[in-house]
């Protein structure tokens, strides 16, 4: 299996698309694509203040709070969701206007974004790990150190699409992120 580790220590944060926070891109396809031209993108973001999220028309987003405080997301369609460390990943339409309200301390989140017609999934590692039809990307994000895989906290392991975890390990402290092509 081909695998590449993307270390937390290597990340550089830059302003959000709307300038209201900071993000650190981890992986993007195609490499070097901008906010308006990526097919899929994985990043972390620091949210230190309440305010609007950037809009990404035609993009599905899955957001997971990985450390820090909690926030409430309020969407233009009336939907409201509270996210905190340990909450399930939240899937939403990236083109829908969204306001974030922090409940105290700032936080760090993990974002998986895919442009239609691609599909995506984020789940706790160890769940059913079957390859998805048309799978294009498979990565493991370490919520805590995973020494058996050589991962420190918040490192990301980029794997060959459809590949099983090295040595058949089923880490309990990781998130599996998947990107696939359009349904057949």
N, C-alpha and C. Protein backbone atom coordinates (compact mmCIF):
# COMPACT_ATOMS: atom_id res chain seq x y z
N UNK A 1 0.84 -1.19 0.00
CA UNK A 1 0.00 0.00 0.00
C UNK A 1 0.88 1.24 0.00
N UNK A 2 0.57 2.18 -0.87
CA UNK A 2 1.25 3.47 -0.86
C UNK A 2 0.56 4.36 0.15
N UNK A 3 1.34 5.02 1.00
CA UNK A 3 0.78 5.92 2.00
C UNK A 3 1.74 7.08 2.22
N UNK A 4 1.18 8.23 2.50
CA UNK A 4 1.98 9.42 2.77
C UNK A 4 1.40 10.10 4.00
N UNK A 5 2.28 10.50 4.91
CA UNK A 5 1.83 11.19 6.12
C UNK A 5 1.98 12.70 5.92
N UNK A 6 0.92 13.43 6.24
CA UNK A 6 0.92 14.89 6.22
C UNK A 6 0.90 15.33 7.68
N UNK A 7 2.03 15.87 8.14
CA UNK A 7 2.22 16.20 9.55
C UNK A 7 1.57 17.53 9.92
N UNK A 8 0.99 17.57 11.11
CA UNK A 8 0.43 18.81 11.65
C UNK A 8 1.49 19.90 11.64
N UNK A 9 2.72 19.56 12.02
CA UNK A 9 3.80 20.54 12.12
C UNK A 9 4.12 21.21 10.79
N UNK A 10 3.73 20.61 9.67
CA UNK A 10 4.02 21.16 8.34
C UNK A 10 2.96 22.15 7.85
N UNK A 11 1.83 22.25 8.56
CA UNK A 11 0.72 23.08 8.07
C UNK A 11 0.97 24.56 8.27
N UNK A 12 0.56 25.34 7.29
CA UNK A 12 0.63 26.80 7.34
C UNK A 12 -0.78 27.35 7.17
N UNK A 13 -1.21 28.18 8.10
CA UNK A 13 -2.55 28.75 8.05
C UNK A 13 -2.59 30.00 7.20
N UNK A 14 -3.69 30.19 6.47
CA UNK A 14 -3.92 31.35 5.61
C UNK A 14 -5.36 31.82 5.80
N UNK A 15 -5.67 33.06 5.40
CA UNK A 15 -7.04 33.58 5.59
C UNK A 15 -8.09 32.75 4.86
N UNK A 16 -9.28 32.68 5.48
CA UNK A 16 -10.43 32.05 4.82
C UNK A 16 -10.75 32.80 3.54
N UNK A 17 -11.54 32.16 2.70
CA UNK A 17 -12.01 32.78 1.47
C UNK A 17 -12.68 34.12 1.76
N UNK A 18 -13.45 34.21 2.87
CA UNK A 18 -14.14 35.47 3.19
C UNK A 18 -13.33 36.33 4.17
N UNK A 19 -12.12 35.89 4.54
CA UNK A 19 -11.26 36.68 5.42
C UNK A 19 -11.62 36.62 6.89
N UNK A 20 -12.61 35.83 7.28
CA UNK A 20 -13.09 35.82 8.66
C UNK A 20 -12.43 34.84 9.59
N UNK A 21 -11.44 34.09 9.16
CA UNK A 21 -10.75 33.13 9.99
C UNK A 21 -9.52 32.62 9.26
N UNK A 22 -8.98 31.50 9.69
CA UNK A 22 -7.79 30.95 9.07
C UNK A 22 -7.97 29.47 8.77
N UNK A 23 -7.38 29.02 7.67
CA UNK A 23 -7.44 27.63 7.27
C UNK A 23 -6.06 27.15 6.88
N UNK A 24 -5.84 25.86 7.03
CA UNK A 24 -4.60 25.22 6.59
C UNK A 24 -5.00 24.06 5.68
N UNK A 25 -4.71 24.20 4.41
CA UNK A 25 -5.00 23.12 3.47
C UNK A 25 -4.05 21.96 3.75
N UNK A 26 -4.61 20.75 3.75
CA UNK A 26 -3.81 19.54 3.92
C UNK A 26 -3.65 18.84 2.58
N UNK A 27 -4.76 18.60 1.91
CA UNK A 27 -4.77 17.96 0.59
C UNK A 27 -5.78 18.65 -0.30
N UNK A 28 -5.47 18.69 -1.59
CA UNK A 28 -6.38 19.31 -2.55
C UNK A 28 -6.20 18.62 -3.89
N UNK A 29 -7.30 18.43 -4.60
CA UNK A 29 -7.24 17.88 -5.94
C UNK A 29 -8.03 18.78 -6.88
N UNK A 30 -7.42 19.16 -8.00
CA UNK A 30 -6.02 18.92 -8.35
C UNK A 30 -5.10 19.75 -7.47
N UNK A 31 -3.83 19.29 -7.30
CA UNK A 31 -2.90 20.04 -6.47
C UNK A 31 -2.77 21.49 -6.94
N UNK A 32 -2.77 22.40 -5.97
CA UNK A 32 -2.62 23.82 -6.28
C UNK A 32 -3.90 24.53 -6.71
N UNK A 33 -5.03 23.82 -6.77
CA UNK A 33 -6.29 24.44 -7.18
C UNK A 33 -6.71 25.48 -6.15
N UNK A 34 -7.36 26.53 -6.61
CA UNK A 34 -7.86 27.57 -5.73
C UNK A 34 -9.22 27.23 -5.16
N UNK A 35 -9.76 28.15 -4.35
CA UNK A 35 -11.06 27.93 -3.71
C UNK A 35 -12.19 27.69 -4.71
N UNK A 36 -12.08 28.26 -5.91
CA UNK A 36 -13.15 28.13 -6.89
C UNK A 36 -12.92 27.03 -7.91
N UNK A 37 -11.79 26.28 -7.79
CA UNK A 37 -11.49 25.30 -8.83
C UNK A 37 -11.10 23.91 -8.31
N UNK A 38 -11.12 23.68 -6.99
CA UNK A 38 -10.78 22.35 -6.50
C UNK A 38 -11.91 21.36 -6.81
N UNK A 39 -11.54 20.08 -6.97
CA UNK A 39 -12.53 19.00 -7.07
C UNK A 39 -12.88 18.53 -5.66
N UNK A 40 -11.84 18.39 -4.81
CA UNK A 40 -12.03 18.08 -3.40
C UNK A 40 -10.88 18.68 -2.62
N UNK A 41 -11.16 18.93 -1.34
CA UNK A 41 -10.18 19.62 -0.48
C UNK A 41 -10.37 19.16 0.96
N UNK A 42 -9.25 18.92 1.66
CA UNK A 42 -9.26 18.60 3.08
C UNK A 42 -8.42 19.65 3.77
N UNK A 43 -8.97 20.25 4.83
CA UNK A 43 -8.27 21.32 5.53
C UNK A 43 -8.68 21.33 7.00
N UNK A 44 -7.90 22.06 7.79
CA UNK A 44 -8.31 22.37 9.15
C UNK A 44 -8.51 23.87 9.21
N UNK A 45 -9.34 24.31 10.15
CA UNK A 45 -9.61 25.74 10.29
C UNK A 45 -9.65 26.12 11.76
N UNK A 46 -9.10 27.28 12.05
CA UNK A 46 -9.19 27.87 13.38
C UNK A 46 -10.38 28.82 13.37
N UNK A 47 -11.28 28.62 14.30
CA UNK A 47 -12.44 29.49 14.45
C UNK A 47 -12.29 30.14 15.82
N UNK A 48 -11.96 31.45 15.83
CA UNK A 48 -11.72 32.15 17.08
C UNK A 48 -12.79 33.19 17.39
N UNK A 49 -13.70 33.42 16.44
CA UNK A 49 -14.74 34.42 16.64
C UNK A 49 -16.00 33.99 15.90
N UNK A 50 -17.14 34.43 16.39
CA UNK A 50 -18.40 34.17 15.70
C UNK A 50 -18.42 34.96 14.40
N UNK A 51 -19.17 34.44 13.39
CA UNK A 51 -19.28 35.15 12.13
C UNK A 51 -19.70 34.22 11.01
N UNK A 52 -19.77 34.76 9.77
CA UNK A 52 -20.22 33.96 8.64
C UNK A 52 -19.16 32.98 8.15
N UNK A 53 -19.63 31.86 7.62
CA UNK A 53 -18.76 30.92 6.91
C UNK A 53 -18.67 31.37 5.46
N UNK A 54 -17.58 31.02 4.81
CA UNK A 54 -17.45 31.26 3.37
C UNK A 54 -18.45 30.39 2.63
N UNK A 55 -19.00 30.92 1.54
CA UNK A 55 -19.92 30.16 0.71
C UNK A 55 -19.15 29.46 -0.40
N UNK A 56 -19.50 28.21 -0.65
CA UNK A 56 -18.89 27.41 -1.72
C UNK A 56 -20.03 26.78 -2.52
N UNK A 57 -20.54 27.49 -3.51
CA UNK A 57 -21.64 26.98 -4.32
C UNK A 57 -21.21 25.70 -5.03
N UNK A 58 -22.12 24.72 -5.07
CA UNK A 58 -21.86 23.46 -5.75
C UNK A 58 -20.94 22.52 -4.99
N UNK A 59 -20.71 22.80 -3.70
CA UNK A 59 -19.78 22.01 -2.90
C UNK A 59 -20.52 21.42 -1.69
N UNK A 60 -20.29 20.13 -1.42
CA UNK A 60 -20.77 19.50 -0.19
C UNK A 60 -19.65 19.60 0.82
N UNK A 61 -19.99 19.99 2.05
CA UNK A 61 -18.99 20.11 3.12
C UNK A 61 -19.34 19.13 4.24
N UNK A 62 -18.31 18.57 4.84
CA UNK A 62 -18.46 17.80 6.08
C UNK A 62 -17.49 18.42 7.06
N UNK A 63 -18.03 18.91 8.17
CA UNK A 63 -17.24 19.62 9.17
C UNK A 63 -17.25 18.83 10.48
N UNK A 64 -16.08 18.69 11.10
CA UNK A 64 -15.94 17.98 12.36
C UNK A 64 -15.09 18.83 13.30
N UNK A 65 -15.60 19.16 14.48
CA UNK A 65 -14.81 19.88 15.48
C UNK A 65 -13.88 18.86 16.12
N UNK A 66 -12.56 19.16 16.09
CA UNK A 66 -11.59 18.19 16.61
C UNK A 66 -10.96 18.62 17.93
N UNK A 67 -11.03 19.92 18.29
CA UNK A 67 -10.55 20.35 19.60
C UNK A 67 -11.08 21.74 19.92
N UNK A 68 -11.08 22.07 21.19
CA UNK A 68 -11.49 23.40 21.63
C UNK A 68 -12.93 23.42 22.08
N UNK A 69 -13.58 24.57 21.84
CA UNK A 69 -14.93 24.79 22.31
C UNK A 69 -15.98 24.29 21.34
N UNK A 70 -17.19 24.79 21.53
CA UNK A 70 -18.34 24.41 20.71
C UNK A 70 -18.82 25.61 19.91
N UNK A 71 -19.61 25.33 18.87
CA UNK A 71 -20.24 26.39 18.09
C UNK A 71 -21.59 25.92 17.61
N UNK A 72 -22.44 26.89 17.34
CA UNK A 72 -23.75 26.63 16.75
C UNK A 72 -23.71 27.20 15.34
N UNK A 73 -24.08 26.38 14.36
CA UNK A 73 -24.18 26.83 12.98
C UNK A 73 -25.64 27.09 12.67
N UNK A 74 -25.92 28.27 12.14
CA UNK A 74 -27.27 28.65 11.74
C UNK A 74 -27.28 28.88 10.24
N UNK A 75 -28.13 28.12 9.55
CA UNK A 75 -28.19 28.17 8.10
C UNK A 75 -29.37 29.01 7.62
N UNK A 76 -29.25 29.53 6.41
CA UNK A 76 -30.29 30.40 5.83
C UNK A 76 -31.63 29.68 5.70
N UNK A 77 -31.64 28.35 5.65
CA UNK A 77 -32.89 27.61 5.53
C UNK A 77 -33.55 27.33 6.88
N UNK A 78 -32.99 27.89 7.97
CA UNK A 78 -33.56 27.71 9.30
C UNK A 78 -32.94 26.57 10.10
N UNK A 79 -32.15 25.75 9.47
CA UNK A 79 -31.47 24.64 10.16
C UNK A 79 -30.47 25.20 11.17
N UNK A 80 -30.37 24.55 12.31
CA UNK A 80 -29.42 24.96 13.35
C UNK A 80 -28.77 23.69 13.91
N UNK A 81 -27.43 23.69 14.00
CA UNK A 81 -26.70 22.53 14.48
C UNK A 81 -25.62 22.96 15.46
N UNK A 82 -25.49 22.23 16.55
CA UNK A 82 -24.43 22.49 17.53
C UNK A 82 -23.33 21.45 17.33
N UNK A 83 -22.08 21.94 17.25
CA UNK A 83 -20.93 21.07 17.07
C UNK A 83 -19.92 21.31 18.18
N UNK A 84 -19.34 20.24 18.67
CA UNK A 84 -18.32 20.29 19.71
C UNK A 84 -17.40 19.10 19.51
N UNK A 85 -16.23 19.07 20.16
CA UNK A 85 -15.40 17.88 20.06
C UNK A 85 -16.22 16.65 20.49
N UNK A 86 -16.13 15.60 19.71
CA UNK A 86 -16.90 14.39 19.99
C UNK A 86 -18.24 14.33 19.28
N UNK A 87 -18.70 15.47 18.71
CA UNK A 87 -19.94 15.46 17.92
C UNK A 87 -19.73 14.70 16.62
N UNK A 88 -20.80 14.17 16.08
CA UNK A 88 -20.72 13.51 14.78
C UNK A 88 -20.36 14.54 13.71
N UNK A 89 -19.65 14.13 12.65
CA UNK A 89 -19.38 15.03 11.54
C UNK A 89 -20.70 15.56 10.95
N UNK A 90 -20.70 16.83 10.55
CA UNK A 90 -21.90 17.47 10.01
C UNK A 90 -21.74 17.70 8.51
N UNK A 91 -22.67 17.14 7.73
CA UNK A 91 -22.71 17.33 6.26
C UNK A 91 -23.68 18.47 5.97
N UNK A 92 -23.25 19.39 5.07
CA UNK A 92 -24.15 20.48 4.67
C UNK A 92 -23.78 21.02 3.31
N UNK A 93 -24.70 21.76 2.71
CA UNK A 93 -24.52 22.41 1.42
C UNK A 93 -23.62 23.61 1.61
N UNK A 94 -22.44 23.59 1.01
CA UNK A 94 -21.47 24.68 1.14
C UNK A 94 -21.92 25.98 0.52
N UNK A 95 -22.94 25.95 -0.33
CA UNK A 95 -23.44 27.17 -0.95
C UNK A 95 -24.49 27.88 -0.13
N UNK A 96 -24.97 27.23 0.92
CA UNK A 96 -26.02 27.79 1.78
C UNK A 96 -25.39 28.76 2.79
N UNK A 97 -25.92 29.96 2.88
CA UNK A 97 -25.40 30.94 3.84
C UNK A 97 -25.44 30.34 5.24
N UNK A 98 -24.35 30.55 5.99
CA UNK A 98 -24.20 29.94 7.31
C UNK A 98 -23.47 30.90 8.24
N UNK A 99 -24.00 31.06 9.45
CA UNK A 99 -23.36 31.87 10.50
C UNK A 99 -22.95 30.94 11.62
N UNK A 100 -21.75 31.15 12.15
CA UNK A 100 -21.26 30.37 13.28
C UNK A 100 -21.26 31.24 14.52
N UNK A 101 -21.77 30.70 15.62
CA UNK A 101 -21.73 31.39 16.91
C UNK A 101 -20.96 30.52 17.89
N UNK A 102 -19.82 31.02 18.34
CA UNK A 102 -19.03 30.28 19.31
C UNK A 102 -19.69 30.31 20.67
N UNK A 103 -19.55 29.21 21.39
CA UNK A 103 -20.03 29.12 22.77
C UNK A 103 -18.81 29.14 23.69
N UNK A 104 -18.13 30.25 23.76
CA UNK A 104 -16.94 30.36 24.61
C UNK A 104 -15.68 30.29 23.78
N UNK A 105 -14.79 29.36 24.13
CA UNK A 105 -13.46 29.27 23.54
C UNK A 105 -13.52 28.95 22.04
N UNK A 106 -12.46 29.36 21.34
CA UNK A 106 -12.31 29.03 19.92
C UNK A 106 -12.11 27.53 19.74
N UNK A 107 -12.01 27.12 18.48
CA UNK A 107 -11.92 25.69 18.19
C UNK A 107 -11.12 25.45 16.93
N UNK A 108 -10.79 24.19 16.72
CA UNK A 108 -10.16 23.73 15.49
C UNK A 108 -11.10 22.73 14.86
N UNK A 109 -11.39 22.90 13.57
CA UNK A 109 -12.24 21.92 12.89
C UNK A 109 -11.52 21.31 11.70
N UNK A 110 -12.06 20.19 11.25
CA UNK A 110 -11.57 19.47 10.08
C UNK A 110 -12.65 19.56 9.03
N UNK A 111 -12.27 19.98 7.82
CA UNK A 111 -13.22 20.17 6.72
C UNK A 111 -12.91 19.22 5.57
N UNK A 112 -13.92 18.53 5.08
CA UNK A 112 -13.83 17.79 3.84
C UNK A 112 -14.84 18.45 2.91
N UNK A 113 -14.36 18.92 1.75
CA UNK A 113 -15.23 19.59 0.79
C UNK A 113 -15.07 18.93 -0.57
N UNK A 114 -16.18 18.63 -1.23
CA UNK A 114 -16.14 18.05 -2.57
C UNK A 114 -17.11 18.80 -3.48
N UNK A 115 -16.67 19.01 -4.70
CA UNK A 115 -17.51 19.67 -5.70
C UNK A 115 -18.36 18.62 -6.40
N UNK A 116 -19.63 18.93 -6.60
CA UNK A 116 -20.55 18.03 -7.29
C UNK A 116 -20.02 17.74 -8.69
N UNK A 117 -20.08 16.52 -9.20
CA UNK A 117 -20.90 15.40 -8.73
C UNK A 117 -20.17 14.43 -7.80
N UNK A 118 -18.98 14.80 -7.29
CA UNK A 118 -18.29 13.90 -6.36
C UNK A 118 -19.09 13.76 -5.07
N UNK A 119 -18.84 12.66 -4.36
CA UNK A 119 -19.49 12.40 -3.08
C UNK A 119 -18.41 12.25 -2.01
N UNK A 120 -18.82 12.37 -0.74
CA UNK A 120 -17.84 12.29 0.34
C UNK A 120 -18.47 11.70 1.58
N UNK A 121 -17.59 11.25 2.47
CA UNK A 121 -18.02 10.65 3.73
C UNK A 121 -16.91 10.86 4.76
N UNK A 122 -17.29 11.15 5.98
CA UNK A 122 -16.36 11.19 7.13
C UNK A 122 -16.99 10.33 8.21
N UNK A 123 -16.20 9.41 8.74
CA UNK A 123 -16.72 8.55 9.80
C UNK A 123 -15.59 8.15 10.74
N UNK A 124 -15.97 7.70 11.91
CA UNK A 124 -14.98 7.21 12.86
C UNK A 124 -14.31 5.98 12.27
N UNK A 125 -12.99 5.95 12.29
CA UNK A 125 -12.26 4.80 11.75
C UNK A 125 -12.66 3.55 12.52
N UNK A 126 -12.63 2.43 11.82
CA UNK A 126 -13.01 1.17 12.44
C UNK A 126 -14.41 0.75 12.05
N UNK A 127 -15.19 1.69 11.53
CA UNK A 127 -16.51 1.32 11.02
C UNK A 127 -16.27 0.49 9.75
N UNK A 128 -17.33 -0.03 9.16
CA UNK A 128 -17.18 -0.82 7.93
C UNK A 128 -16.24 -0.11 6.98
N UNK A 129 -15.23 -0.81 6.53
CA UNK A 129 -14.16 -0.16 5.77
C UNK A 129 -14.09 -0.67 4.34
N UNK A 130 -15.22 -0.90 3.72
CA UNK A 130 -15.23 -1.38 2.35
C UNK A 130 -14.93 -0.23 1.39
N UNK A 131 -14.27 -0.55 0.29
CA UNK A 131 -14.00 0.45 -0.75
C UNK A 131 -15.34 0.90 -1.35
N UNK A 132 -15.40 2.18 -1.70
CA UNK A 132 -16.60 2.72 -2.34
C UNK A 132 -16.42 2.69 -3.84
N UNK A 133 -17.46 2.43 -4.62
CA UNK A 133 -17.33 2.48 -6.08
C UNK A 133 -16.83 3.86 -6.50
N UNK A 134 -15.84 3.89 -7.36
CA UNK A 134 -15.31 5.16 -7.86
C UNK A 134 -14.47 5.92 -6.85
N UNK A 135 -14.01 5.25 -5.79
CA UNK A 135 -13.25 5.93 -4.75
C UNK A 135 -12.02 6.62 -5.34
N UNK A 136 -11.82 7.90 -4.98
CA UNK A 136 -10.70 8.70 -5.48
C UNK A 136 -9.71 9.06 -4.39
N UNK A 137 -10.14 9.10 -3.16
CA UNK A 137 -9.26 9.47 -2.06
C UNK A 137 -9.70 8.78 -0.79
N UNK A 138 -8.72 8.37 0.03
CA UNK A 138 -8.98 7.72 1.32
C UNK A 138 -7.89 8.22 2.25
N UNK A 139 -8.30 8.88 3.33
CA UNK A 139 -7.33 9.41 4.29
C UNK A 139 -7.80 9.12 5.71
N UNK A 140 -6.84 9.04 6.62
CA UNK A 140 -7.11 8.83 8.03
C UNK A 140 -6.55 10.03 8.78
N UNK A 141 -7.39 10.70 9.57
CA UNK A 141 -6.98 11.84 10.38
C UNK A 141 -6.90 11.38 11.82
N UNK A 142 -5.73 11.57 12.46
CA UNK A 142 -5.51 11.10 13.83
C UNK A 142 -6.06 12.11 14.83
N UNK A 143 -7.09 11.71 15.57
CA UNK A 143 -7.62 12.58 16.63
C UNK A 143 -6.69 12.57 17.84
N UNK A 144 -6.01 11.47 18.05
CA UNK A 144 -5.01 11.29 19.11
C UNK A 144 -3.83 10.53 18.48
N UNK A 145 -2.68 10.48 19.14
CA UNK A 145 -1.55 9.75 18.56
C UNK A 145 -1.92 8.30 18.22
N UNK A 146 -1.45 7.85 17.07
CA UNK A 146 -1.64 6.46 16.64
C UNK A 146 -0.25 5.90 16.35
N UNK A 147 0.50 5.55 17.42
CA UNK A 147 1.89 5.13 17.25
C UNK A 147 2.08 3.97 16.29
N UNK A 148 1.16 3.01 16.29
CA UNK A 148 1.29 1.86 15.39
C UNK A 148 1.27 2.24 13.93
N UNK A 149 0.73 3.42 13.62
CA UNK A 149 0.68 3.92 12.25
C UNK A 149 1.68 5.05 12.03
N UNK A 150 2.43 5.41 13.08
CA UNK A 150 3.41 6.50 12.94
C UNK A 150 2.77 7.87 12.87
N UNK A 151 1.58 8.03 13.45
CA UNK A 151 0.86 9.30 13.38
C UNK A 151 0.82 9.98 14.74
N UNK A 152 1.16 11.26 14.75
CA UNK A 152 0.98 12.10 15.93
C UNK A 152 -0.43 12.68 15.86
N UNK A 153 -0.87 13.30 16.95
CA UNK A 153 -2.18 13.93 17.01
C UNK A 153 -2.33 14.94 15.87
N UNK A 154 -3.41 14.82 15.09
CA UNK A 154 -3.80 15.68 13.98
C UNK A 154 -2.94 15.51 12.74
N UNK A 155 -2.11 14.46 12.68
CA UNK A 155 -1.46 14.09 11.43
C UNK A 155 -2.52 13.44 10.54
N UNK A 156 -2.24 13.40 9.25
CA UNK A 156 -3.17 12.80 8.30
C UNK A 156 -2.41 11.79 7.45
N UNK A 157 -2.97 10.58 7.31
CA UNK A 157 -2.39 9.52 6.50
C UNK A 157 -3.16 9.44 5.20
N UNK A 158 -2.50 9.74 4.09
CA UNK A 158 -3.09 9.64 2.75
C UNK A 158 -2.82 8.23 2.24
N UNK A 159 -3.89 7.49 1.93
CA UNK A 159 -3.75 6.10 1.50
C UNK A 159 -4.17 5.95 0.04
N UNK A 160 -3.81 4.83 -0.54
CA UNK A 160 -4.27 4.50 -1.88
C UNK A 160 -5.78 4.29 -1.83
N UNK A 161 -6.54 4.87 -2.78
CA UNK A 161 -7.99 4.65 -2.77
C UNK A 161 -8.33 3.17 -2.69
N UNK A 162 -9.27 2.84 -1.81
CA UNK A 162 -9.74 1.47 -1.64
C UNK A 162 -8.87 0.61 -0.73
N UNK A 163 -7.71 1.13 -0.31
CA UNK A 163 -6.79 0.33 0.50
C UNK A 163 -7.29 0.18 1.94
N UNK A 164 -6.95 -0.96 2.54
CA UNK A 164 -7.24 -1.17 3.96
C UNK A 164 -6.18 -0.46 4.78
N UNK A 165 -6.46 -0.22 6.04
CA UNK A 165 -5.46 0.39 6.91
C UNK A 165 -4.25 -0.53 7.03
N UNK A 166 -3.04 0.05 7.16
CA UNK A 166 -1.83 -0.77 7.25
C UNK A 166 -1.94 -1.81 8.36
N UNK A 167 -1.60 -3.04 8.04
CA UNK A 167 -1.60 -4.12 9.02
C UNK A 167 -2.98 -4.50 9.52
N UNK A 168 -4.03 -4.00 8.85
CA UNK A 168 -5.39 -4.32 9.27
C UNK A 168 -5.78 -3.67 10.58
N UNK A 169 -5.00 -2.69 11.03
CA UNK A 169 -5.30 -2.03 12.30
C UNK A 169 -6.62 -1.27 12.20
N UNK A 170 -7.33 -1.21 13.29
CA UNK A 170 -8.58 -0.46 13.36
C UNK A 170 -8.44 0.57 14.48
N UNK A 171 -7.89 1.75 14.17
CA UNK A 171 -7.69 2.75 15.22
C UNK A 171 -9.02 3.32 15.69
N UNK A 172 -9.14 3.48 16.98
CA UNK A 172 -10.37 4.03 17.54
C UNK A 172 -10.30 5.55 17.66
N UNK A 173 -9.12 6.14 17.50
CA UNK A 173 -8.96 7.58 17.67
C UNK A 173 -8.63 8.26 16.35
N UNK A 174 -9.37 7.90 15.31
CA UNK A 174 -9.15 8.51 14.02
C UNK A 174 -10.43 8.67 13.25
N UNK A 175 -10.40 9.58 12.28
CA UNK A 175 -11.51 9.78 11.37
C UNK A 175 -11.09 9.33 9.98
N UNK A 176 -11.93 8.57 9.30
CA UNK A 176 -11.68 8.13 7.94
C UNK A 176 -12.46 9.05 7.01
N UNK A 177 -11.77 9.66 6.06
CA UNK A 177 -12.39 10.56 5.09
C UNK A 177 -12.29 9.91 3.72
N UNK A 178 -13.41 9.87 3.01
CA UNK A 178 -13.48 9.23 1.71
C UNK A 178 -14.07 10.18 0.68
N UNK A 179 -13.51 10.14 -0.53
CA UNK A 179 -14.04 10.91 -1.66
C UNK A 179 -14.24 9.92 -2.79
N UNK A 180 -15.41 9.97 -3.44
CA UNK A 180 -15.71 9.06 -4.54
C UNK A 180 -16.30 9.81 -5.70
N UNK A 181 -16.25 9.16 -6.86
CA UNK A 181 -16.85 9.73 -8.07
C UNK A 181 -18.35 9.66 -8.01
N UNK A 182 -19.00 10.15 -9.07
CA UNK A 182 -20.46 10.13 -9.08
C UNK A 182 -21.00 8.71 -8.99
N UNK A 183 -22.17 8.54 -8.37
CA UNK A 183 -22.77 7.21 -8.28
C UNK A 183 -22.99 6.63 -9.67
N UNK A 184 -22.84 5.31 -9.77
CA UNK A 184 -23.02 4.63 -11.07
C UNK A 184 -24.47 4.59 -11.46
